[in-house]
Amino acid sequence: MSFAKSAGGKAFLVNLWRENPVFRQVLGICSTLAVTNLVKNTFIMCMGLVFATALSSWTVSLLRAYIPRQVRMMVQVLIIAAYVIVVDTAIRAYAPEVHKFIGPYVGLIITNCIIMGRCEAFASTNPPWASLWDGLGAGLGYTFVLLSISVVREVLGFGTFWGYALPARDLWFHQWTIMVMPPGAFFMLALVAWFANARVLAKQKGAAK
């Protein structure tokens, strides 16, 4: 059986696009709006979420037969918190300057609807490796949207990319201040959601004909 046809492969691919957690399920919006003004900060935040989502789903699946249903949500939060602590410690140690800006939001990964949703909806009823791929797909789907937004916001708002000034900034480019403000994040998220959903719906209509 090919990867794309396996349970894990299907879950991975669906979460990347068709059931993307941000523009299709409207989850993880707080961090989408809070950390997307700089690409570097966004990338590190996304890698932390991918790590926590994938391993949390894998761990919940491994323990699903031993977790009483009455306390499953509490156990899931504890598992997620353990991985988020690892992420927060790693960022604090290896990227302290970035941690100053995104540190408060890293802790909020614990209650991120994407992670909780995948643990409850998929990992609690599916085998470990399929759950790992499901969590990885959800995390990368989230990453795709956030990086798309952050690239546009940093380039237009600061005239930089990954913190490095673009040549045009000193020649003719005028910075769009609104792009580094909260309204700029809402505007870009709306555009990404509109474009992506329009593509998905168009593909679905074409397949139905």
N, C-alpha and C. Protein backbone atom coordinates (compact mmCIF):
# COMPACT_ATOMS: atom_id res chain seq x y z
N MET A 1 0.84 -1.20 0.00
CA MET A 1 0.00 0.00 0.00
C MET A 1 0.87 1.25 0.00
N SER A 2 0.57 2.20 -0.87
CA SER A 2 1.34 3.43 -0.93
C SER A 2 1.03 4.32 0.27
N PHE A 3 1.95 5.24 0.54
CA PHE A 3 1.77 6.14 1.68
C PHE A 3 0.49 6.96 1.55
N ALA A 4 0.21 7.46 0.33
CA ALA A 4 -0.96 8.31 0.12
C ALA A 4 -2.27 7.58 0.40
N LYS A 5 -2.26 6.24 0.28
CA LYS A 5 -3.49 5.48 0.49
C LYS A 5 -3.60 4.92 1.91
N SER A 6 -2.54 5.06 2.69
CA SER A 6 -2.58 4.59 4.07
C SER A 6 -3.36 5.57 4.93
N ALA A 7 -3.77 5.12 6.13
CA ALA A 7 -4.54 5.99 7.02
C ALA A 7 -3.74 7.23 7.40
N GLY A 8 -2.45 7.04 7.71
CA GLY A 8 -1.60 8.18 8.05
C GLY A 8 -1.38 9.12 6.88
N GLY A 9 -1.16 8.54 5.69
CA GLY A 9 -0.94 9.36 4.51
C GLY A 9 -2.16 10.19 4.15
N LYS A 10 -3.34 9.58 4.23
CA LYS A 10 -4.58 10.32 3.94
C LYS A 10 -4.77 11.46 4.93
N ALA A 11 -4.55 11.17 6.22
CA ALA A 11 -4.70 12.20 7.24
C ALA A 11 -3.70 13.34 7.04
N PHE A 12 -2.46 12.97 6.69
CA PHE A 12 -1.41 13.98 6.46
C PHE A 12 -1.79 14.90 5.31
N LEU A 13 -2.18 14.34 4.19
CA LEU A 13 -2.48 15.14 3.00
C LEU A 13 -3.74 15.98 3.17
N VAL A 14 -4.75 15.42 3.84
CA VAL A 14 -6.00 16.17 4.06
C VAL A 14 -5.74 17.39 4.91
N ASN A 15 -4.93 17.26 5.95
CA ASN A 15 -4.66 18.39 6.84
C ASN A 15 -3.81 19.47 6.19
N LEU A 16 -3.03 19.10 5.19
CA LEU A 16 -2.21 20.10 4.51
C LEU A 16 -3.05 21.12 3.74
N TRP A 17 -4.15 20.66 3.13
CA TRP A 17 -4.90 21.56 2.26
C TRP A 17 -6.41 21.50 2.43
N ARG A 18 -7.02 20.35 2.10
CA ARG A 18 -8.48 20.27 2.03
C ARG A 18 -9.15 20.56 3.37
N GLU A 19 -8.53 20.10 4.47
CA GLU A 19 -9.06 20.38 5.80
C GLU A 19 -8.03 21.15 6.62
N ASN A 20 -7.37 22.11 5.96
CA ASN A 20 -6.35 22.92 6.63
C ASN A 20 -6.92 23.52 7.91
N PRO A 21 -6.18 23.41 9.04
CA PRO A 21 -6.74 23.86 10.32
C PRO A 21 -6.99 25.35 10.41
N VAL A 22 -6.31 26.17 9.61
CA VAL A 22 -6.46 27.61 9.71
C VAL A 22 -7.57 28.13 8.80
N PHE A 23 -7.44 27.93 7.48
CA PHE A 23 -8.41 28.55 6.59
C PHE A 23 -9.65 27.69 6.32
N ARG A 24 -9.63 26.41 6.70
CA ARG A 24 -10.82 25.58 6.53
C ARG A 24 -11.55 25.35 7.85
N GLN A 25 -10.81 25.13 8.92
CA GLN A 25 -11.42 24.87 10.21
C GLN A 25 -11.40 26.08 11.14
N VAL A 26 -10.70 27.13 10.73
CA VAL A 26 -10.60 28.39 11.49
C VAL A 26 -10.12 28.10 12.92
N LEU A 27 -9.00 27.39 13.05
CA LEU A 27 -8.39 27.10 14.33
C LEU A 27 -7.02 27.76 14.41
N GLY A 28 -6.52 27.99 15.62
CA GLY A 28 -5.20 28.57 15.81
C GLY A 28 -5.10 30.01 15.35
N ILE A 29 -6.20 30.75 15.42
CA ILE A 29 -6.23 32.11 14.90
C ILE A 29 -5.42 33.08 15.76
N CYS A 30 -5.39 32.87 17.08
CA CYS A 30 -4.66 33.81 17.96
C CYS A 30 -3.20 33.94 17.55
N SER A 31 -2.52 32.81 17.42
CA SER A 31 -1.11 32.86 17.03
C SER A 31 -0.95 33.31 15.58
N THR A 32 -1.94 33.01 14.75
CA THR A 32 -1.89 33.47 13.36
C THR A 32 -1.81 34.98 13.30
N LEU A 33 -2.53 35.65 14.17
CA LEU A 33 -2.58 37.11 14.17
C LEU A 33 -1.46 37.72 15.00
N ALA A 34 -0.91 36.95 15.95
CA ALA A 34 0.03 37.53 16.91
C ALA A 34 1.49 37.48 16.48
N VAL A 35 1.91 36.45 15.75
CA VAL A 35 3.35 36.26 15.51
C VAL A 35 3.74 36.31 14.05
N THR A 36 2.87 36.84 13.19
CA THR A 36 3.16 36.76 11.76
C THR A 36 3.72 38.04 11.15
N ASN A 37 4.26 38.93 11.96
CA ASN A 37 4.83 40.14 11.36
C ASN A 37 6.30 39.98 10.99
N LEU A 38 6.95 38.92 11.48
CA LEU A 38 8.34 38.63 11.11
C LEU A 38 8.47 37.14 10.76
N VAL A 39 9.11 36.86 9.63
CA VAL A 39 9.20 35.49 9.14
C VAL A 39 9.98 34.59 10.10
N LYS A 40 11.08 35.08 10.64
CA LYS A 40 11.90 34.26 11.53
C LYS A 40 11.11 33.83 12.77
N ASN A 41 10.42 34.79 13.39
CA ASN A 41 9.62 34.48 14.57
C ASN A 41 8.52 33.47 14.23
N THR A 42 7.89 33.68 13.08
CA THR A 42 6.81 32.80 12.65
C THR A 42 7.33 31.39 12.41
N PHE A 43 8.47 31.27 11.75
CA PHE A 43 9.04 29.96 11.44
C PHE A 43 9.34 29.18 12.72
N ILE A 44 9.98 29.83 13.68
CA ILE A 44 10.33 29.15 14.92
C ILE A 44 9.08 28.75 15.69
N MET A 45 8.09 29.63 15.72
CA MET A 45 6.83 29.30 16.38
C MET A 45 6.17 28.10 15.71
N CYS A 46 6.17 28.09 14.39
CA CYS A 46 5.54 26.99 13.64
C CYS A 46 6.26 25.67 13.85
N MET A 47 7.59 25.69 13.87
CA MET A 47 8.33 24.46 14.11
C MET A 47 8.03 23.90 15.50
N GLY A 48 7.86 24.79 16.46
CA GLY A 48 7.48 24.35 17.80
C GLY A 48 6.12 23.71 17.81
N LEU A 49 5.17 24.29 17.07
CA LEU A 49 3.83 23.72 17.03
C LEU A 49 3.81 22.39 16.28
N VAL A 50 4.56 22.28 15.19
CA VAL A 50 4.64 21.02 14.45
C VAL A 50 5.17 19.91 15.37
N PHE A 51 6.23 20.21 16.10
CA PHE A 51 6.82 19.24 17.02
C PHE A 51 5.81 18.82 18.08
N ALA A 52 5.16 19.79 18.70
CA ALA A 52 4.21 19.49 19.78
C ALA A 52 2.98 18.75 19.25
N THR A 53 2.48 19.15 18.10
CA THR A 53 1.28 18.52 17.55
C THR A 53 1.53 17.07 17.16
N ALA A 54 2.62 16.83 16.44
CA ALA A 54 2.92 15.48 15.97
C ALA A 54 3.17 14.52 17.14
N LEU A 55 4.02 14.93 18.08
CA LEU A 55 4.37 14.03 19.18
C LEU A 55 3.25 13.90 20.21
N SER A 56 2.45 14.93 20.38
CA SER A 56 1.31 14.83 21.29
C SER A 56 0.29 13.83 20.74
N SER A 57 0.01 13.92 19.44
CA SER A 57 -0.92 12.97 18.82
C SER A 57 -0.39 11.54 18.92
N TRP A 58 0.89 11.38 18.67
CA TRP A 58 1.52 10.05 18.76
C TRP A 58 1.42 9.48 20.16
N THR A 59 1.71 10.32 21.16
CA THR A 59 1.69 9.86 22.55
C THR A 59 0.28 9.55 23.02
N VAL A 60 -0.68 10.40 22.67
CA VAL A 60 -2.07 10.15 23.04
C VAL A 60 -2.55 8.84 22.43
N SER A 61 -2.17 8.59 21.19
CA SER A 61 -2.56 7.34 20.54
C SER A 61 -1.93 6.13 21.23
N LEU A 62 -0.67 6.24 21.61
CA LEU A 62 0.01 5.15 22.31
C LEU A 62 -0.69 4.79 23.62
N LEU A 63 -1.20 5.82 24.30
CA LEU A 63 -1.78 5.61 25.63
C LEU A 63 -3.31 5.54 25.62
N ARG A 64 -3.91 5.58 24.44
CA ARG A 64 -5.36 5.71 24.37
C ARG A 64 -6.11 4.57 25.08
N ALA A 65 -5.53 3.38 25.08
CA ALA A 65 -6.21 2.24 25.71
C ALA A 65 -6.10 2.28 27.24
N TYR A 66 -5.20 3.12 27.75
CA TYR A 66 -4.96 3.16 29.20
C TYR A 66 -5.52 4.43 29.86
N ILE A 67 -6.06 5.34 29.05
CA ILE A 67 -6.57 6.60 29.58
C ILE A 67 -8.07 6.48 29.84
N PRO A 68 -8.52 6.60 31.09
CA PRO A 68 -9.97 6.57 31.36
C PRO A 68 -10.68 7.71 30.64
N ARG A 69 -11.81 7.42 30.08
CA ARG A 69 -12.53 8.44 29.31
C ARG A 69 -12.90 9.65 30.15
N GLN A 70 -13.11 9.44 31.46
CA GLN A 70 -13.53 10.54 32.31
C GLN A 70 -12.45 11.62 32.46
N VAL A 71 -11.19 11.25 32.27
CA VAL A 71 -10.10 12.22 32.47
C VAL A 71 -9.25 12.39 31.22
N ARG A 72 -9.75 11.95 30.07
CA ARG A 72 -8.92 11.95 28.87
C ARG A 72 -8.47 13.36 28.47
N MET A 73 -9.35 14.36 28.64
CA MET A 73 -8.98 15.73 28.26
C MET A 73 -7.84 16.25 29.13
N MET A 74 -7.90 15.96 30.44
CA MET A 74 -6.84 16.40 31.35
C MET A 74 -5.52 15.73 31.01
N VAL A 75 -5.59 14.45 30.70
CA VAL A 75 -4.37 13.72 30.34
C VAL A 75 -3.78 14.27 29.04
N GLN A 76 -4.64 14.56 28.08
CA GLN A 76 -4.17 15.13 26.81
C GLN A 76 -3.48 16.47 27.03
N VAL A 77 -4.06 17.31 27.89
CA VAL A 77 -3.44 18.61 28.19
C VAL A 77 -2.09 18.42 28.85
N LEU A 78 -1.96 17.47 29.75
CA LEU A 78 -0.68 17.21 30.40
C LEU A 78 0.37 16.74 29.40
N ILE A 79 -0.03 15.88 28.48
CA ILE A 79 0.90 15.41 27.45
C ILE A 79 1.37 16.57 26.57
N ILE A 80 0.40 17.37 26.13
CA ILE A 80 0.74 18.53 25.29
C ILE A 80 1.66 19.48 26.05
N ALA A 81 1.34 19.74 27.32
CA ALA A 81 2.15 20.67 28.12
C ALA A 81 3.59 20.20 28.24
N ALA A 82 3.79 18.89 28.36
CA ALA A 82 5.16 18.36 28.47
C ALA A 82 5.97 18.69 27.22
N TYR A 83 5.37 18.50 26.05
CA TYR A 83 6.09 18.80 24.80
C TYR A 83 6.28 20.31 24.60
N VAL A 84 5.29 21.09 25.02
CA VAL A 84 5.41 22.55 24.88
C VAL A 84 6.52 23.08 25.79
N ILE A 85 6.69 22.50 26.96
CA ILE A 85 7.79 22.91 27.84
C ILE A 85 9.13 22.66 27.17
N VAL A 86 9.24 21.53 26.47
CA VAL A 86 10.47 21.23 25.73
C VAL A 86 10.70 22.29 24.65
N VAL A 87 9.64 22.65 23.92
CA VAL A 87 9.75 23.67 22.87
C VAL A 87 10.17 25.00 23.46
N ASP A 88 9.50 25.42 24.54
CA ASP A 88 9.80 26.70 25.17
C ASP A 88 11.24 26.75 25.68
N THR A 89 11.70 25.68 26.28
CA THR A 89 13.07 25.62 26.80
C THR A 89 14.08 25.70 25.66
N ALA A 90 13.80 24.99 24.56
CA ALA A 90 14.71 25.00 23.41
C ALA A 90 14.81 26.40 22.79
N ILE A 91 13.67 27.07 22.63
CA ILE A 91 13.69 28.41 22.05
C ILE A 91 14.40 29.38 22.99
N ARG A 92 14.14 29.26 24.29
CA ARG A 92 14.79 30.13 25.27
C ARG A 92 16.31 29.95 25.24
N ALA A 93 16.77 28.71 25.02
CA ALA A 93 18.19 28.42 25.05
C ALA A 93 18.90 28.79 23.75
N TYR A 94 18.27 28.49 22.60
CA TYR A 94 18.95 28.65 21.32
C TYR A 94 18.55 29.89 20.54
N ALA A 95 17.43 30.51 20.90
CA ALA A 95 17.00 31.74 20.21
C ALA A 95 16.40 32.71 21.22
N PRO A 96 17.22 33.17 22.19
CA PRO A 96 16.69 34.03 23.26
C PRO A 96 16.07 35.33 22.76
N GLU A 97 16.63 35.90 21.69
CA GLU A 97 16.07 37.15 21.16
C GLU A 97 14.67 36.92 20.60
N VAL A 98 14.48 35.80 19.92
CA VAL A 98 13.15 35.47 19.40
C VAL A 98 12.19 35.17 20.55
N HIS A 99 12.70 34.51 21.58
CA HIS A 99 11.85 34.15 22.71
C HIS A 99 11.26 35.38 23.39
N LYS A 100 11.97 36.50 23.37
CA LYS A 100 11.45 37.72 23.97
C LYS A 100 10.14 38.15 23.32
N PHE A 101 10.00 37.87 22.03
CA PHE A 101 8.81 38.30 21.30
C PHE A 101 7.70 37.24 21.28
N ILE A 102 8.08 35.98 21.16
CA ILE A 102 7.05 34.95 21.01
C ILE A 102 6.87 34.09 22.25
N GLY A 103 7.68 34.34 23.30
CA GLY A 103 7.61 33.54 24.51
C GLY A 103 6.20 33.39 25.08
N PRO A 104 5.45 34.49 25.24
CA PRO A 104 4.09 34.35 25.79
C PRO A 104 3.18 33.49 24.93
N TYR A 105 3.40 33.49 23.63
CA TYR A 105 2.53 32.73 22.72
C TYR A 105 2.91 31.26 22.65
N VAL A 106 4.18 30.95 22.96
CA VAL A 106 4.60 29.55 22.97
C VAL A 106 3.82 28.78 24.03
N GLY A 107 3.66 29.37 25.19
CA GLY A 107 2.90 28.72 26.25
C GLY A 107 1.46 28.46 25.86
N LEU A 108 0.91 29.32 25.01
CA LEU A 108 -0.48 29.15 24.60
C LEU A 108 -0.67 27.98 23.64
N ILE A 109 0.42 27.39 23.15
CA ILE A 109 0.30 26.21 22.31
C ILE A 109 -0.44 25.10 23.06
N ILE A 110 -0.28 25.10 24.39
CA ILE A 110 -0.91 24.05 25.20
C ILE A 110 -2.41 24.00 24.97
N THR A 111 -3.02 25.16 24.82
CA THR A 111 -4.48 25.21 24.63
C THR A 111 -4.86 25.47 23.18
N ASN A 112 -3.90 25.34 22.28
CA ASN A 112 -4.20 25.56 20.87
C ASN A 112 -5.24 24.55 20.37
N CYS A 113 -6.28 25.05 19.74
CA CYS A 113 -7.38 24.18 19.30
C CYS A 113 -6.93 23.13 18.28
N ILE A 114 -5.88 23.43 17.53
CA ILE A 114 -5.40 22.48 16.53
C ILE A 114 -4.89 21.21 17.22
N ILE A 115 -4.04 21.39 18.24
CA ILE A 115 -3.48 20.23 18.93
C ILE A 115 -4.57 19.45 19.66
N MET A 116 -5.38 20.18 20.42
CA MET A 116 -6.45 19.51 21.17
C MET A 116 -7.41 18.79 20.22
N GLY A 117 -7.70 19.43 19.10
CA GLY A 117 -8.62 18.85 18.13
C GLY A 117 -8.10 17.56 17.53
N ARG A 118 -6.82 17.55 17.15
CA ARG A 118 -6.25 16.34 16.54
C ARG A 118 -6.12 15.21 17.56
N CYS A 119 -5.77 15.56 18.79
CA CYS A 119 -5.67 14.53 19.83
C CYS A 119 -7.02 13.88 20.08
N GLU A 120 -8.07 14.70 20.18
CA GLU A 120 -9.39 14.19 20.50
C GLU A 120 -10.08 13.54 19.30
N ALA A 121 -9.97 14.18 18.13
CA ALA A 121 -10.71 13.71 16.96
C ALA A 121 -10.03 12.54 16.25
N PHE A 122 -8.71 12.47 16.31
CA PHE A 122 -8.00 11.43 15.54
C PHE A 122 -7.16 10.50 16.41
N ALA A 123 -6.26 11.07 17.20
CA ALA A 123 -5.31 10.24 17.93
C ALA A 123 -5.97 9.31 18.95
N SER A 124 -7.09 9.75 19.51
CA SER A 124 -7.74 8.94 20.54
C SER A 124 -8.42 7.69 19.99
N THR A 125 -8.53 7.59 18.66
CA THR A 125 -9.20 6.41 18.07
C THR A 125 -8.40 5.76 16.95
N ASN A 126 -7.16 6.21 16.72
CA ASN A 126 -6.36 5.68 15.62
C ASN A 126 -4.98 5.23 16.11
N PRO A 127 -4.29 4.37 15.34
CA PRO A 127 -2.98 3.85 15.76
C PRO A 127 -1.91 4.95 15.79
N PRO A 128 -0.81 4.71 16.51
CA PRO A 128 0.22 5.73 16.75
C PRO A 128 0.82 6.37 15.50
N TRP A 129 1.25 5.53 14.51
CA TRP A 129 1.94 6.12 13.36
C TRP A 129 0.98 6.94 12.50
N ALA A 130 -0.25 6.50 12.36
CA ALA A 130 -1.24 7.30 11.63
C ALA A 130 -1.49 8.61 12.36
N SER A 131 -1.52 8.57 13.68
CA SER A 131 -1.73 9.77 14.49
C SER A 131 -0.55 10.72 14.38
N LEU A 132 0.65 10.16 14.31
CA LEU A 132 1.85 11.00 14.14
C LEU A 132 1.77 11.76 12.82
N TRP A 133 1.41 11.06 11.74
CA TRP A 133 1.30 11.72 10.44
C TRP A 133 0.15 12.72 10.41
N ASP A 134 -0.93 12.41 11.10
CA ASP A 134 -2.05 13.35 11.18
C ASP A 134 -1.62 14.63 11.88
N GLY A 135 -0.95 14.50 13.01
CA GLY A 135 -0.47 15.69 13.72
C GLY A 135 0.56 16.46 12.92
N LEU A 136 1.43 15.74 12.22
CA LEU A 136 2.43 16.41 11.39
C LEU A 136 1.76 17.19 10.26
N GLY A 137 0.75 16.58 9.62
CA GLY A 137 0.05 17.27 8.55
C GLY A 137 -0.66 18.52 9.03
N ALA A 138 -1.32 18.43 10.22
CA ALA A 138 -2.01 19.59 10.77
C ALA A 138 -1.02 20.71 11.10
N GLY A 139 0.14 20.32 11.66
CA GLY A 139 1.15 21.32 11.98
C GLY A 139 1.73 21.99 10.75
N LEU A 140 1.99 21.21 9.71
CA LEU A 140 2.55 21.78 8.47
C LEU A 140 1.51 22.60 7.72
N GLY A 141 0.23 22.19 7.80
CA GLY A 141 -0.82 23.00 7.21
C GLY A 141 -0.91 24.36 7.87
N TYR A 142 -0.79 24.39 9.18
CA TYR A 142 -0.74 25.63 9.96
C TYR A 142 0.48 26.46 9.55
N THR A 143 1.63 25.79 9.41
CA THR A 143 2.87 26.47 9.04
C THR A 143 2.76 27.13 7.67
N PHE A 144 2.17 26.43 6.71
CA PHE A 144 2.01 26.95 5.36
C PHE A 144 1.26 28.29 5.37
N VAL A 145 0.17 28.35 6.11
CA VAL A 145 -0.64 29.57 6.16
C VAL A 145 0.12 30.70 6.86
N LEU A 146 0.71 30.39 8.02
CA LEU A 146 1.39 31.44 8.78
C LEU A 146 2.59 32.01 8.04
N LEU A 147 3.38 31.15 7.39
CA LEU A 147 4.54 31.64 6.65
C LEU A 147 4.11 32.48 5.45
N SER A 148 3.02 32.08 4.79
CA SER A 148 2.51 32.88 3.66
C SER A 148 2.15 34.29 4.11
N ILE A 149 1.50 34.37 5.26
CA ILE A 149 1.09 35.67 5.79
C ILE A 149 2.30 36.47 6.24
N SER A 150 3.23 35.82 6.94
CA SER A 150 4.37 36.55 7.51
C SER A 150 5.31 37.09 6.44
N VAL A 151 5.48 36.35 5.34
CA VAL A 151 6.34 36.84 4.26
C VAL A 151 5.81 38.16 3.72
N VAL A 152 4.52 38.21 3.43
CA VAL A 152 3.92 39.43 2.89
C VAL A 152 3.98 40.56 3.91
N ARG A 153 3.66 40.26 5.18
CA ARG A 153 3.63 41.31 6.20
C ARG A 153 5.03 41.89 6.46
N GLU A 154 6.05 41.03 6.52
CA GLU A 154 7.39 41.56 6.79
C GLU A 154 7.93 42.35 5.60
N VAL A 155 7.72 41.82 4.40
CA VAL A 155 8.24 42.51 3.21
C VAL A 155 7.57 43.88 3.05
N LEU A 156 6.25 43.91 3.15
CA LEU A 156 5.54 45.17 2.96
C LEU A 156 5.63 46.09 4.18
N GLY A 157 5.66 45.51 5.37
CA GLY A 157 5.64 46.32 6.58
C GLY A 157 7.00 46.84 7.00
N PHE A 158 8.05 46.03 6.82
CA PHE A 158 9.38 46.44 7.26
C PHE A 158 10.37 46.62 6.11
N GLY A 159 10.04 46.07 4.94
CA GLY A 159 10.99 46.10 3.84
C GLY A 159 12.16 45.17 4.06
N THR A 160 11.91 44.10 4.84
CA THR A 160 12.96 43.12 5.14
C THR A 160 12.44 41.72 4.89
N PHE A 161 13.37 40.76 4.89
CA PHE A 161 13.01 39.34 4.84
C PHE A 161 13.98 38.59 5.74
N TRP A 162 13.43 37.86 6.73
CA TRP A 162 14.23 37.17 7.74
C TRP A 162 15.15 38.15 8.48
N GLY A 163 14.73 39.41 8.58
CA GLY A 163 15.50 40.41 9.29
C GLY A 163 16.50 41.17 8.44
N TYR A 164 16.69 40.75 7.19
CA TYR A 164 17.64 41.41 6.31
C TYR A 164 16.92 42.40 5.40
N ALA A 165 17.48 43.60 5.30
CA ALA A 165 16.85 44.64 4.49
C ALA A 165 16.88 44.28 3.01
N LEU A 166 15.77 44.50 2.33
CA LEU A 166 15.71 44.28 0.90
C LEU A 166 16.28 45.49 0.16
N PRO A 167 16.94 45.28 -0.99
CA PRO A 167 17.55 46.41 -1.72
C PRO A 167 16.56 47.51 -2.05
N ALA A 168 15.33 47.15 -2.36
CA ALA A 168 14.34 48.15 -2.78
C ALA A 168 13.96 49.10 -1.65
N ARG A 169 14.21 48.70 -0.41
CA ARG A 169 13.76 49.53 0.71
C ARG A 169 14.42 50.90 0.72
N ASP A 170 15.68 50.95 0.30
CA ASP A 170 16.41 52.21 0.31
C ASP A 170 16.32 52.95 -1.02
N LEU A 171 15.67 52.36 -2.02
CA LEU A 171 15.60 52.98 -3.33
C LEU A 171 14.24 53.62 -3.59
N TRP A 172 13.19 52.82 -3.61
CA TRP A 172 11.87 53.37 -3.96
C TRP A 172 10.74 52.85 -3.08
N PHE A 173 11.04 51.85 -2.25
CA PHE A 173 9.96 51.20 -1.51
C PHE A 173 9.50 52.05 -0.33
N HIS A 174 8.19 52.12 -0.14
CA HIS A 174 7.61 52.79 1.03
C HIS A 174 6.93 51.74 1.90
N GLN A 175 7.28 51.71 3.15
CA GLN A 175 6.76 50.69 4.05
C GLN A 175 5.27 50.90 4.33
N TRP A 176 4.55 49.79 4.37
CA TRP A 176 3.11 49.82 4.69
C TRP A 176 2.97 49.59 6.20
N THR A 177 2.81 50.66 6.94
CA THR A 177 2.76 50.54 8.39
C THR A 177 1.63 49.64 8.85
N ILE A 178 0.52 49.64 8.13
CA ILE A 178 -0.63 48.84 8.54
C ILE A 178 -0.31 47.35 8.57
N MET A 179 0.70 46.93 7.78
CA MET A 179 1.02 45.51 7.72
C MET A 179 1.67 44.99 9.00
N VAL A 180 2.26 45.85 9.80
CA VAL A 180 2.86 45.40 11.06
C VAL A 180 1.93 45.63 12.24
N MET A 181 0.72 46.10 11.96
CA MET A 181 -0.28 46.32 12.99
C MET A 181 -1.32 45.20 12.94
N PRO A 182 -2.10 45.02 14.01
CA PRO A 182 -3.13 43.95 14.02
C PRO A 182 -4.07 43.97 12.82
N PRO A 183 -4.54 45.13 12.33
CA PRO A 183 -5.41 45.10 11.15
C PRO A 183 -4.77 44.45 9.93
N GLY A 184 -3.45 44.59 9.80
CA GLY A 184 -2.75 43.96 8.68
C GLY A 184 -2.82 42.45 8.76
N ALA A 185 -2.75 41.90 9.97
CA ALA A 185 -2.85 40.46 10.15
C ALA A 185 -4.24 39.96 9.78
N PHE A 186 -5.29 40.69 10.21
CA PHE A 186 -6.66 40.31 9.85
C PHE A 186 -6.86 40.36 8.35
N PHE A 187 -6.32 41.40 7.73
CA PHE A 187 -6.48 41.58 6.29
C PHE A 187 -5.82 40.43 5.52
N MET A 188 -4.60 40.07 5.89
CA MET A 188 -3.88 39.00 5.20
C MET A 188 -4.53 37.64 5.45
N LEU A 189 -4.98 37.41 6.67
CA LEU A 189 -5.65 36.13 6.96
C LEU A 189 -6.91 35.99 6.13
N ALA A 190 -7.67 37.09 6.01
CA ALA A 190 -8.89 37.05 5.20
C ALA A 190 -8.57 36.76 3.74
N LEU A 191 -7.52 37.36 3.20
CA LEU A 191 -7.15 37.12 1.81
C LEU A 191 -6.73 35.67 1.58
N VAL A 192 -5.90 35.14 2.49
CA VAL A 192 -5.45 33.75 2.36
C VAL A 192 -6.63 32.79 2.44
N ALA A 193 -7.54 33.03 3.41
CA ALA A 193 -8.71 32.17 3.57
C ALA A 193 -9.61 32.24 2.34
N TRP A 194 -9.81 33.44 1.82
CA TRP A 194 -10.65 33.60 0.63
C TRP A 194 -10.04 32.87 -0.58
N PHE A 195 -8.75 33.07 -0.81
CA PHE A 195 -8.09 32.46 -1.97
C PHE A 195 -8.10 30.93 -1.85
N ALA A 196 -7.71 30.42 -0.68
CA ALA A 196 -7.61 28.97 -0.50
C ALA A 196 -8.98 28.30 -0.58
N ASN A 197 -9.98 28.89 0.08
CA ASN A 197 -11.31 28.29 0.05
C ASN A 197 -11.92 28.34 -1.35
N ALA A 198 -11.63 29.41 -2.09
CA ALA A 198 -12.13 29.50 -3.46
C ALA A 198 -11.53 28.39 -4.32
N ARG A 199 -10.23 28.09 -4.12
CA ARG A 199 -9.59 27.02 -4.87
C ARG A 199 -10.18 25.65 -4.50
N VAL A 200 -10.39 25.43 -3.21
CA VAL A 200 -10.94 24.14 -2.77
C VAL A 200 -12.35 23.94 -3.31
N LEU A 201 -13.18 24.99 -3.22
CA LEU A 201 -14.56 24.87 -3.70
C LEU A 201 -14.61 24.68 -5.21
N ALA A 202 -13.74 25.38 -5.92
CA ALA A 202 -13.70 25.23 -7.38
C ALA A 202 -13.30 23.80 -7.77
N LYS A 203 -12.35 23.23 -7.04
CA LYS A 203 -11.92 21.86 -7.32
C LYS A 203 -13.03 20.87 -7.02
N GLN A 204 -13.77 21.12 -5.94
CA GLN A 204 -14.86 20.22 -5.58
C GLN A 204 -15.99 20.28 -6.61
N LYS A 205 -16.28 21.47 -7.11
CA LYS A 205 -17.32 21.61 -8.13
C LYS A 205 -16.90 20.92 -9.42
N GLY A 206 -15.61 21.06 -9.76
CA GLY A 206 -15.12 20.41 -10.97
C GLY A 206 -15.18 18.90 -10.87
N ALA A 207 -14.92 18.37 -9.67
CA ALA A 207 -14.96 16.92 -9.49
C ALA A 207 -16.39 16.38 -9.50
N ALA A 208 -17.34 17.25 -9.11
CA ALA A 208 -18.74 16.81 -9.05
C ALA A 208 -19.39 16.76 -10.42
N LYS A 209 -18.81 17.45 -11.42
CA LYS A 209 -19.40 17.48 -12.76
C LYS A 209 -19.13 16.16 -13.51
